[in-house]
Amino acid sequence: MASPHQELPPELQDGSRVGFVHSAETTSGVNGPGVRYTVFAAGCPLRCLYCHNPDTQMMRLGDRTTVTRVLAEAAKYRAFLKDGGITITGGEPLQQPEFVEDIFVGAKSELGLHTALDTSGMGGLSASDRLLDHVDLVLLDIKAGNPRTYSYVTQTGKFDQLLLFAERLLSRGTPIWVRFVLVPGLTDAPEQVAQVADICAELRPIVERVEVLPYHTLGVDKYAALGRVYPLLNTPTPSRESVAAAVEVFRSRGLYALA
C-alpha cells in the first residue's frame, strides 16, 4: 500500500501501491504471445553495452503511478488482449518487485489476463512466490554464458544471480522464452553461443523457445539525447549467416529456436 498518502498528489491517492513507469504501449508478437499491453518499468541495475532503452535505466526518469491506474489503462484494451495479455518489461521490473507483484495479481484476478515478465533475472531472488505464482511466462534475457563475458556485457550484472533465478523457475515449472542478443565481436563466437545454448539445454523442460536477437543500433539517438556516449558505436550488425549459425547451435540441443 502507498504510504503515507499525504505525501502523494491527489491522483496517486487511490490506496494501491505506487511505482515508477517509463511508458506503456500495445505490442504484438514481441513481448509474449498475442497482442500485449506492455508496461515499461523504470529503473535497471544493469548497464548493458548494447542497451537500446537507456532512458529506462534511471528510476527517477519514470513517472510515478499506481497499480490501480496501470490496471485501469490495461482494462481499456481488454477486448484486444483476450489472446494476448499484459507484459511488464523495463528497465528491470524486479527493481520494483512489490509494485510488479500487485499489477500481476490484479491482471489475473480482476482482468483475467495472461501475464508475462521480461527480466534479466537480476533481483529475481527478491521476487516473492506470490509474484511468480501470478506469472504465466518469463521472458528471460541471457546476456552471455560465462561469468567473465556476462560481467563485461552488463557492466554491473552477477552471472550467479541469473543462474539462481533460472533454477528457481525450473523448480517451479514456469515457462520461459529465452532471449539472447548476438553481438559481433562480443557474444557471437561459437564458444560463446554454445555456452548459452548449454544453459538453455539445462532448462529444457521449461524453455518454450529461444529467440536469437541480432544486435542493432536503434538506441544510439537515445544516448545522444541523454548526453552519453554509446559504447558499441563501431560494432556492425551480425550477418544473416552468423545469426542462422547461432540458431542452429540452439536447435542442436533439441531447443526450438528462431531469429
Protein backbone atom coordinates (compact mmCIF):
# COMPACT_ATOMS: atom_id res chain seq x y z
CA MET A 1 0.00 0.00 0.00
CA ALA A 2 1.15 3.53 -0.71
CA SER A 3 2.07 5.34 2.48
CA PRO A 4 1.91 7.98 3.74
CA HIS A 5 -0.79 9.22 1.36
CA GLN A 6 -0.41 12.84 2.45
CA GLU A 7 2.94 12.91 0.60
CA LEU A 8 1.31 11.90 -2.69
CA PRO A 9 -0.52 14.12 -5.17
CA PRO A 10 -4.29 13.53 -5.26
CA GLU A 11 -4.20 11.43 -8.44
CA LEU A 12 -1.96 8.86 -6.72
CA GLN A 13 -4.03 8.59 -3.56
CA ASP A 14 -6.11 5.59 -4.62
CA GLY A 15 -4.85 3.23 -1.92
CA SER A 16 -2.82 1.00 -4.22
CA ARG A 17 0.95 0.66 -4.41
CA VAL A 18 2.94 3.40 -6.12
CA GLY A 19 5.71 2.64 -8.60
CA PHE A 20 7.71 4.20 -11.41
CA VAL A 21 6.77 3.56 -15.04
CA HIS A 22 8.62 4.89 -18.06
CA SER A 23 5.85 4.26 -20.60
CA ALA A 24 3.27 1.75 -21.83
CA GLU A 25 2.08 0.63 -25.25
CA THR A 26 0.28 -2.14 -27.07
CA THR A 27 2.54 -4.55 -28.94
CA SER A 28 2.05 -7.72 -30.95
CA GLY A 29 4.29 -10.76 -31.25
CA VAL A 30 7.20 -9.07 -29.47
CA ASN A 31 6.75 -9.26 -25.72
CA GLY A 32 4.89 -12.54 -25.42
CA PRO A 33 2.09 -14.29 -27.30
CA GLY A 34 -0.68 -12.32 -28.98
CA VAL A 35 -1.44 -8.63 -28.53
CA ARG A 36 0.10 -7.35 -25.31
CA TYR A 37 -0.34 -4.31 -23.11
CA THR A 38 3.33 -3.72 -22.37
CA VAL A 39 4.40 -1.69 -19.35
CA PHE A 40 7.97 -0.37 -19.29
CA ALA A 41 9.03 -0.16 -15.66
CA ALA A 42 11.65 2.47 -14.83
CA GLY A 43 14.95 1.54 -13.24
CA CYS A 44 17.57 -1.10 -14.04
CA PRO A 45 20.69 -2.25 -12.16
CA LEU A 46 22.45 -3.27 -15.38
CA ARG A 47 24.34 -1.07 -17.81
CA CYS A 48 24.45 -3.37 -20.81
CA LEU A 49 26.77 -2.19 -23.55
CA TYR A 50 24.06 -2.62 -26.18
CA CYS A 51 21.10 -1.35 -24.15
CA HIS A 52 18.59 0.21 -26.54
CA ASN A 53 16.45 1.75 -23.79
CA PRO A 54 18.96 3.76 -21.72
CA ASP A 55 16.16 6.16 -20.85
CA THR A 56 14.60 3.41 -18.71
CA GLN A 57 17.74 2.80 -16.62
CA MET A 58 17.11 5.54 -14.06
CA MET A 59 14.01 5.18 -11.93
CA ARG A 60 13.84 8.95 -11.44
CA LEU A 61 13.25 9.37 -15.20
CA GLY A 62 9.99 7.45 -14.91
CA ASP A 63 6.59 8.74 -13.87
CA ARG A 64 5.04 7.84 -10.55
CA THR A 65 1.80 5.94 -10.94
CA THR A 66 -0.26 3.37 -9.08
CA VAL A 67 -1.25 -0.23 -9.57
CA THR A 68 -4.88 0.85 -9.91
CA ARG A 69 -4.04 3.28 -12.69
CA VAL A 70 -1.92 0.73 -14.59
CA LEU A 71 -4.73 -1.83 -14.43
CA ALA A 72 -7.31 0.75 -15.47
CA GLU A 73 -5.26 1.57 -18.59
CA ALA A 74 -4.81 -2.12 -19.40
CA ALA A 75 -8.55 -2.67 -18.99
CA LYS A 76 -9.23 -0.23 -21.85
CA TYR A 77 -7.61 -2.75 -24.23
CA ARG A 78 -9.08 -5.86 -22.62
CA ALA A 79 -11.12 -6.84 -25.67
CA PHE A 80 -7.97 -6.89 -27.79
CA LEU A 81 -5.90 -8.74 -25.20
CA LYS A 82 -8.01 -11.90 -24.87
CA ASP A 83 -5.49 -13.90 -26.93
CA GLY A 84 -2.58 -11.90 -25.54
CA GLY A 85 -2.18 -10.28 -22.16
CA ILE A 86 -0.03 -7.92 -20.15
CA THR A 87 3.76 -7.81 -20.12
CA ILE A 88 5.96 -5.90 -17.71
CA THR A 89 9.38 -5.08 -19.09
CA GLY A 90 11.81 -2.27 -18.49
CA GLY A 91 14.29 -1.32 -17.39
CA GLU A 92 14.27 -4.21 -14.98
CA PRO A 93 10.82 -4.90 -13.48
CA LEU A 94 12.26 -6.75 -10.50
CA GLN A 95 13.74 -3.48 -9.27
CA GLN A 96 10.17 -2.85 -8.09
CA PRO A 97 9.03 -6.36 -7.09
CA GLU A 98 6.09 -5.40 -4.88
CA PHE A 99 4.68 -2.99 -7.47
CA VAL A 100 5.03 -5.61 -10.21
CA GLU A 101 3.52 -8.27 -7.96
CA ASP A 102 0.39 -6.22 -7.33
CA ILE A 103 -0.04 -5.49 -11.03
CA PHE A 104 0.18 -9.18 -11.94
CA VAL A 105 -2.19 -10.19 -9.16
CA GLY A 106 -4.72 -7.64 -10.40
CA ALA A 107 -4.19 -8.58 -14.03
CA LYS A 108 -5.01 -12.21 -13.22
CA SER A 109 -7.78 -11.78 -10.64
CA GLU A 110 -9.51 -8.66 -11.95
CA LEU A 111 -8.89 -8.74 -15.70
CA GLY A 112 -8.27 -12.44 -16.34
CA LEU A 113 -5.21 -11.67 -18.47
CA HIS A 114 -2.20 -13.79 -19.38
CA THR A 115 0.88 -12.30 -17.71
CA ALA A 116 4.50 -12.14 -18.86
CA LEU A 117 7.58 -10.87 -17.04
CA ASP A 118 10.50 -9.67 -19.16
CA THR A 119 13.59 -9.79 -16.95
CA SER A 120 17.34 -10.25 -16.83
CA GLY A 121 16.91 -12.17 -13.60
CA MET A 122 18.72 -9.50 -11.61
CA GLY A 123 16.66 -9.03 -8.48
CA GLY A 124 14.98 -12.36 -9.12
CA LEU A 125 15.70 -13.58 -5.62
CA SER A 126 13.66 -10.67 -4.24
CA ALA A 127 10.62 -11.74 -6.25
CA SER A 128 8.11 -13.33 -3.90
CA ASP A 129 6.42 -16.65 -4.54
CA ARG A 130 3.17 -14.70 -4.79
CA LEU A 131 4.61 -12.65 -7.66
CA LEU A 132 5.79 -15.74 -9.54
CA ASP A 133 2.51 -17.55 -8.81
CA HIS A 134 0.82 -14.89 -10.95
CA VAL A 135 3.30 -15.03 -13.86
CA ASP A 136 2.33 -17.24 -16.81
CA LEU A 137 5.51 -16.68 -18.80
CA VAL A 138 9.00 -15.31 -18.16
CA LEU A 139 10.94 -13.71 -21.00
CA LEU A 140 14.45 -14.38 -19.70
CA ASP A 141 17.29 -12.32 -21.13
CA ILE A 142 20.53 -14.30 -21.05
CA LYS A 143 23.26 -11.84 -21.90
CA ALA A 144 26.16 -14.32 -22.00
CA GLY A 145 27.03 -17.86 -20.98
CA ASN A 146 30.02 -17.32 -18.71
CA PRO A 147 30.78 -15.00 -15.77
CA ARG A 148 33.54 -13.00 -17.46
CA THR A 149 31.60 -12.10 -20.60
CA TYR A 150 28.41 -11.57 -18.62
CA SER A 151 30.17 -9.10 -16.34
CA TYR A 152 31.64 -7.22 -19.30
CA VAL A 153 28.40 -7.09 -21.31
CA THR A 154 26.25 -5.96 -18.38
CA GLN A 155 28.95 -3.95 -16.54
CA THR A 156 27.15 -4.49 -13.22
CA GLY A 157 25.41 -7.86 -13.55
CA LYS A 158 26.02 -11.01 -11.49
CA PHE A 159 26.08 -14.22 -13.51
CA ASP A 160 25.32 -16.36 -10.46
CA GLN A 161 22.12 -14.40 -9.81
CA LEU A 162 20.91 -15.20 -13.31
CA LEU A 163 21.58 -18.92 -12.81
CA LEU A 164 19.91 -18.99 -9.38
CA PHE A 165 16.80 -17.30 -10.75
CA ALA A 166 16.72 -19.68 -13.73
CA GLU A 167 16.98 -22.65 -11.36
CA ARG A 168 14.13 -21.22 -9.32
CA LEU A 169 11.95 -21.00 -12.41
CA LEU A 170 12.90 -24.56 -13.33
CA SER A 171 11.91 -25.85 -9.89
CA ARG A 172 8.56 -24.09 -10.23
CA GLY A 173 7.95 -25.24 -13.79
CA THR A 174 7.46 -21.67 -15.01
CA PRO A 175 7.56 -21.49 -18.84
CA ILE A 176 10.26 -19.26 -20.30
CA TRP A 177 11.21 -17.73 -23.61
CA VAL A 178 14.95 -17.15 -23.69
CA ARG A 179 16.31 -14.08 -25.41
CA PHE A 180 19.94 -13.86 -26.48
CA VAL A 181 21.43 -10.87 -28.29
CA LEU A 182 24.05 -11.81 -30.88
CA VAL A 183 26.71 -9.08 -30.90
CA PRO A 184 29.64 -9.31 -33.34
CA GLY A 185 32.94 -9.50 -31.50
CA LEU A 186 31.22 -9.83 -28.16
CA THR A 187 28.75 -12.73 -27.96
CA ASP A 188 28.87 -14.27 -31.43
CA ALA A 189 31.94 -16.52 -31.10
CA PRO A 190 30.97 -20.20 -31.44
CA GLU A 191 32.06 -20.99 -27.89
CA GLN A 192 30.02 -18.05 -26.53
CA VAL A 193 26.87 -19.21 -28.32
CA ALA A 194 27.49 -22.80 -27.22
CA GLN A 195 27.76 -21.74 -23.56
CA VAL A 196 24.38 -20.01 -23.68
CA ALA A 197 22.89 -22.98 -25.54
CA ASP A 198 24.18 -25.32 -22.84
CA ILE A 199 22.47 -23.26 -20.14
CA CYS A 200 19.23 -23.40 -22.13
CA ALA A 201 19.61 -27.14 -22.53
CA GLU A 202 19.75 -27.49 -18.73
CA LEU A 203 16.48 -25.57 -18.60
CA ARG A 204 14.91 -27.53 -21.48
CA PRO A 205 11.80 -28.67 -19.52
CA ILE A 206 10.63 -25.05 -19.24
CA VAL A 207 12.15 -23.46 -22.37
CA GLU A 208 9.37 -22.97 -24.92
CA ARG A 209 11.55 -21.07 -27.36
CA VAL A 210 14.90 -19.35 -27.80
CA GLU A 211 14.98 -16.04 -29.65
CA VAL A 212 18.34 -15.11 -31.17
CA LEU A 213 18.16 -11.35 -31.50
CA PRO A 214 20.57 -9.72 -33.98
CA TYR A 215 22.35 -6.73 -32.45
CA HIS A 216 21.09 -3.34 -33.68
CA THR A 217 21.83 0.32 -33.04
CA LEU A 218 18.30 1.67 -32.65
CA GLY A 219 19.14 3.16 -29.25
CA VAL A 220 22.05 5.32 -30.40
CA ASP A 221 19.99 8.52 -30.63
CA LYS A 222 18.71 7.99 -27.09
CA TYR A 223 22.27 8.03 -25.77
CA ALA A 224 22.92 11.29 -27.58
CA ALA A 225 19.75 12.79 -26.11
CA LEU A 226 20.94 11.79 -22.63
CA GLY A 227 24.39 13.25 -23.26
CA ARG A 228 26.02 9.82 -23.08
CA VAL A 229 28.46 8.06 -25.38
CA TYR A 230 27.16 4.88 -26.98
CA PRO A 231 29.64 2.09 -26.04
CA LEU A 232 29.39 -0.01 -29.21
CA LEU A 233 29.20 2.70 -31.83
CA ASN A 234 31.50 0.96 -34.33
CA THR A 235 30.04 -2.51 -33.88
CA PRO A 236 28.33 -3.85 -37.03
CA THR A 237 25.12 -5.79 -37.11
CA PRO A 238 25.63 -9.56 -37.47
CA SER A 239 25.41 -11.23 -40.85
CA ARG A 240 22.47 -13.44 -41.76
CA GLU A 241 24.86 -16.37 -41.85
CA SER A 242 26.12 -15.82 -38.30
CA VAL A 243 22.56 -15.46 -36.99
CA ALA A 244 21.49 -18.66 -38.77
CA ALA A 245 24.55 -20.46 -37.39
CA ALA A 246 23.68 -19.36 -33.84
CA VAL A 247 20.10 -20.58 -34.25
CA GLU A 248 21.39 -23.97 -35.34
CA VAL A 249 23.55 -24.26 -32.21
CA PHE A 250 20.43 -23.98 -30.07
CA ARG A 251 18.49 -26.37 -32.27
CA SER A 252 21.29 -28.91 -31.95
CA ARG A 253 20.45 -29.05 -28.24
CA GLY A 254 16.87 -30.01 -29.01
CA LEU A 255 15.56 -26.50 -28.44
CA TYR A 256 13.02 -24.60 -30.52
CA ALA A 257 14.99 -21.57 -31.72
CA LEU A 258 14.33 -18.73 -34.12
CA ALA A 259 15.66 -15.32 -35.08
